[in-house]
Amino acid sequence: MECLKLIDPNNTAVNYKVAYMYYLRGDWLNAEKNLVKVLQLYPFDYDSSLLLGTVYVKMGKIKEAKVYYERALQYDPSSAEIRGLLKGL
């Protein structure tokens, strides 16, 4: 996937899906890169914030993970999933 180039580099749906593919492959840096693009355009996107928080946990960046988990919680305050993830950090 090194040669993957997007026709529209700001297409948030494609960037999220590409980030998720990188996440599944364990390529945290490229997953982070694509998720940051999505969140620059939609800062309170629940799925992107949740996934970026999880990527940061995998990278050992717990402080950064908390920021994105809390952002996702602002979008959906009733999310038991996010509360559980924050409690586990």
C-alpha atoms as a PDB file:
ATOM      1  CA  MET A   1       0.000   0.000   0.000  1.00  0.00           C
ATOM      2  CA  GLU A   2       3.027   2.280  -0.117  1.00  0.00           C
ATOM      3  CA  CYS A   3       1.988   3.544  -3.556  1.00  0.00           C
ATOM      4  CA  LEU A   4      -1.587   4.295  -2.509  1.00  0.00           C
ATOM      5  CA  LYS A   5      -2.531   7.770  -3.686  1.00  0.00           C
ATOM      6  CA  LEU A   6      -5.974   9.226  -3.270  1.00  0.00           C
ATOM      7  CA  ILE A   7      -7.581  11.129  -6.115  1.00  0.00           C
ATOM      8  CA  ASP A   8      -9.152  13.466  -3.554  1.00  0.00           C
ATOM      9  CA  PRO A   9      -6.747  13.633  -0.599  1.00  0.00           C
ATOM     10  CA  ASN A  10      -9.431  15.296   1.556  1.00  0.00           C
ATOM     11  CA  ASN A  11     -12.111  12.648   1.055  1.00  0.00           C
ATOM     12  CA  THR A  12     -12.876  11.846   4.674  1.00  0.00           C
ATOM     13  CA  ALA A  13     -14.691   8.560   4.006  1.00  0.00           C
ATOM     14  CA  VAL A  14     -11.769   7.180   2.018  1.00  0.00           C
ATOM     15  CA  ASN A  15      -9.179   8.472   4.491  1.00  0.00           C
ATOM     16  CA  TYR A  16     -11.037   6.791   7.354  1.00  0.00           C
ATOM     17  CA  LYS A  17     -11.267   3.487   5.484  1.00  0.00           C
ATOM     18  CA  VAL A  18      -7.594   3.614   4.508  1.00  0.00           C
ATOM     19  CA  ALA A  19      -6.688   4.411   8.125  1.00  0.00           C
ATOM     20  CA  TYR A  20      -8.723   1.424   9.278  1.00  0.00           C
ATOM     21  CA  MET A  21      -6.911  -0.827   6.794  1.00  0.00           C
ATOM     22  CA  TYR A  22      -3.575   0.410   8.146  1.00  0.00           C
ATOM     23  CA  TYR A  23      -4.852  -0.150  11.697  1.00  0.00           C
ATOM     24  CA  LEU A  24      -5.783  -3.758  10.893  1.00  0.00           C
ATOM     25  CA  ARG A  25      -2.287  -4.283   9.473  1.00  0.00           C
ATOM     26  CA  GLY A  26      -0.644  -2.811  12.569  1.00  0.00           C
ATOM     27  CA  ASP A  27       0.766   0.173  10.667  1.00  0.00           C
ATOM     28  CA  TRP A  28       0.049   2.737  13.367  1.00  0.00           C
ATOM     29  CA  LEU A  29       1.928   5.645  11.759  1.00  0.00           C
ATOM     30  CA  ASN A  30      -0.008   5.551   8.497  1.00  0.00           C
ATOM     31  CA  ALA A  31      -3.281   4.993  10.345  1.00  0.00           C
ATOM     32  CA  GLU A  32      -2.523   8.069  12.449  1.00  0.00           C
ATOM     33  CA  LYS A  33      -1.653  10.133   9.369  1.00  0.00           C
ATOM     34  CA  ASN A  34      -4.975   9.395   7.656  1.00  0.00           C
ATOM     35  CA  LEU A  35      -7.055   9.866  10.795  1.00  0.00           C
ATOM     36  CA  VAL A  36      -5.460  13.251  11.470  1.00  0.00           C
ATOM     37  CA  LYS A  37      -6.571  14.326   7.972  1.00  0.00           C
ATOM     38  CA  VAL A  38     -10.154  13.336   8.742  1.00  0.00           C
ATOM     39  CA  LEU A  39     -10.146  15.072  12.103  1.00  0.00           C
ATOM     40  CA  GLN A  40      -8.742  18.289  10.630  1.00  0.00           C
ATOM     41  CA  LEU A  41     -11.922  18.553   8.571  1.00  0.00           C
ATOM     42  CA  TYR A  42     -14.332  17.018  11.123  1.00  0.00           C
ATOM     43  CA  PRO A  43     -12.796  17.496  14.585  1.00  0.00           C
ATOM     44  CA  PHE A  44     -15.631  15.802  16.475  1.00  0.00           C
ATOM     45  CA  ASP A  45     -16.101  12.735  14.288  1.00  0.00           C
ATOM     46  CA  TYR A  46     -16.868   9.944  16.759  1.00  0.00           C
ATOM     47  CA  ASP A  47     -15.443   6.998  14.796  1.00  0.00           C
ATOM     48  CA  SER A  48     -12.237   8.774  13.799  1.00  0.00           C
ATOM     49  CA  SER A  49     -11.636  10.042  17.338  1.00  0.00           C
ATOM     50  CA  LEU A  50     -12.236   6.581  18.759  1.00  0.00           C
ATOM     51  CA  LEU A  51      -9.924   4.909  16.248  1.00  0.00           C
ATOM     52  CA  LEU A  52      -7.191   7.526  16.651  1.00  0.00           C
ATOM     53  CA  GLY A  53      -7.369   7.108  20.422  1.00  0.00           C
ATOM     54  CA  THR A  54      -6.951   3.365  19.963  1.00  0.00           C
ATOM     55  CA  VAL A  55      -4.039   3.881  17.560  1.00  0.00           C
ATOM     56  CA  TYR A  56      -2.357   6.097  20.151  1.00  0.00           C
ATOM     57  CA  VAL A  57      -2.829   3.407  22.811  1.00  0.00           C
ATOM     58  CA  LYS A  58      -1.139   0.918  20.474  1.00  0.00           C
ATOM     59  CA  MET A  59       1.705   3.410  19.986  1.00  0.00           C
ATOM     60  CA  GLY A  60       2.052   3.880  23.750  1.00  0.00           C
ATOM     61  CA  LYS A  61       0.888   7.516  23.599  1.00  0.00           C
ATOM     62  CA  ILE A  62      -1.601   7.329  26.449  1.00  0.00           C
ATOM     63  CA  LYS A  63      -1.879  11.107  26.999  1.00  0.00           C
ATOM     64  CA  GLU A  64      -2.827  11.641  23.330  1.00  0.00           C
ATOM     65  CA  ALA A  65      -5.231   8.681  23.440  1.00  0.00           C
ATOM     66  CA  LYS A  66      -7.128  10.249  26.342  1.00  0.00           C
ATOM     67  CA  VAL A  67      -7.577  13.480  24.377  1.00  0.00           C
ATOM     68  CA  TYR A  68      -9.250  11.675  21.479  1.00  0.00           C
ATOM     69  CA  TYR A  69     -11.301   9.345  23.670  1.00  0.00           C
ATOM     70  CA  GLU A  70     -12.599  12.390  25.559  1.00  0.00           C
ATOM     71  CA  ARG A  71     -13.391  14.105  22.263  1.00  0.00           C
ATOM     72  CA  ALA A  72     -15.410  11.060  21.180  1.00  0.00           C
ATOM     73  CA  LEU A  73     -17.174  11.129  24.549  1.00  0.00           C
ATOM     74  CA  GLN A  74     -18.175  14.752  23.934  1.00  0.00           C
ATOM     75  CA  TYR A  75     -19.875  13.611  20.746  1.00  0.00           C
ATOM     76  CA  ASP A  76     -21.644  10.715  22.479  1.00  0.00           C
ATOM     77  CA  PRO A  77     -21.720  11.257  26.265  1.00  0.00           C
ATOM     78  CA  SER A  78     -23.660   8.037  26.836  1.00  0.00           C
ATOM     79  CA  SER A  79     -21.016   5.807  25.219  1.00  0.00           C
ATOM     80  CA  ALA A  80     -20.231   2.990  27.633  1.00  0.00           C
ATOM     81  CA  GLU A  81     -17.467   1.866  25.243  1.00  0.00           C
ATOM     82  CA  ILE A  82     -15.535   5.127  25.575  1.00  0.00           C
ATOM     83  CA  ARG A  83     -16.065   5.297  29.336  1.00  0.00           C
ATOM     84  CA  GLY A  84     -14.673   1.783  29.647  1.00  0.00           C
ATOM     85  CA  LEU A  85     -11.642   2.612  27.504  1.00  0.00           C
ATOM     86  CA  LEU A  86     -10.911   5.759  29.523  1.00  0.00           C
ATOM     87  CA  LYS A  87     -11.273   3.849  32.780  1.00  0.00           C
ATOM     88  CA  GLY A  88      -8.760   1.267  31.527  1.00  0.00           C
ATOM     89  CA  LEU A  89      -6.045   3.838  30.827  1.00  0.00           C
END
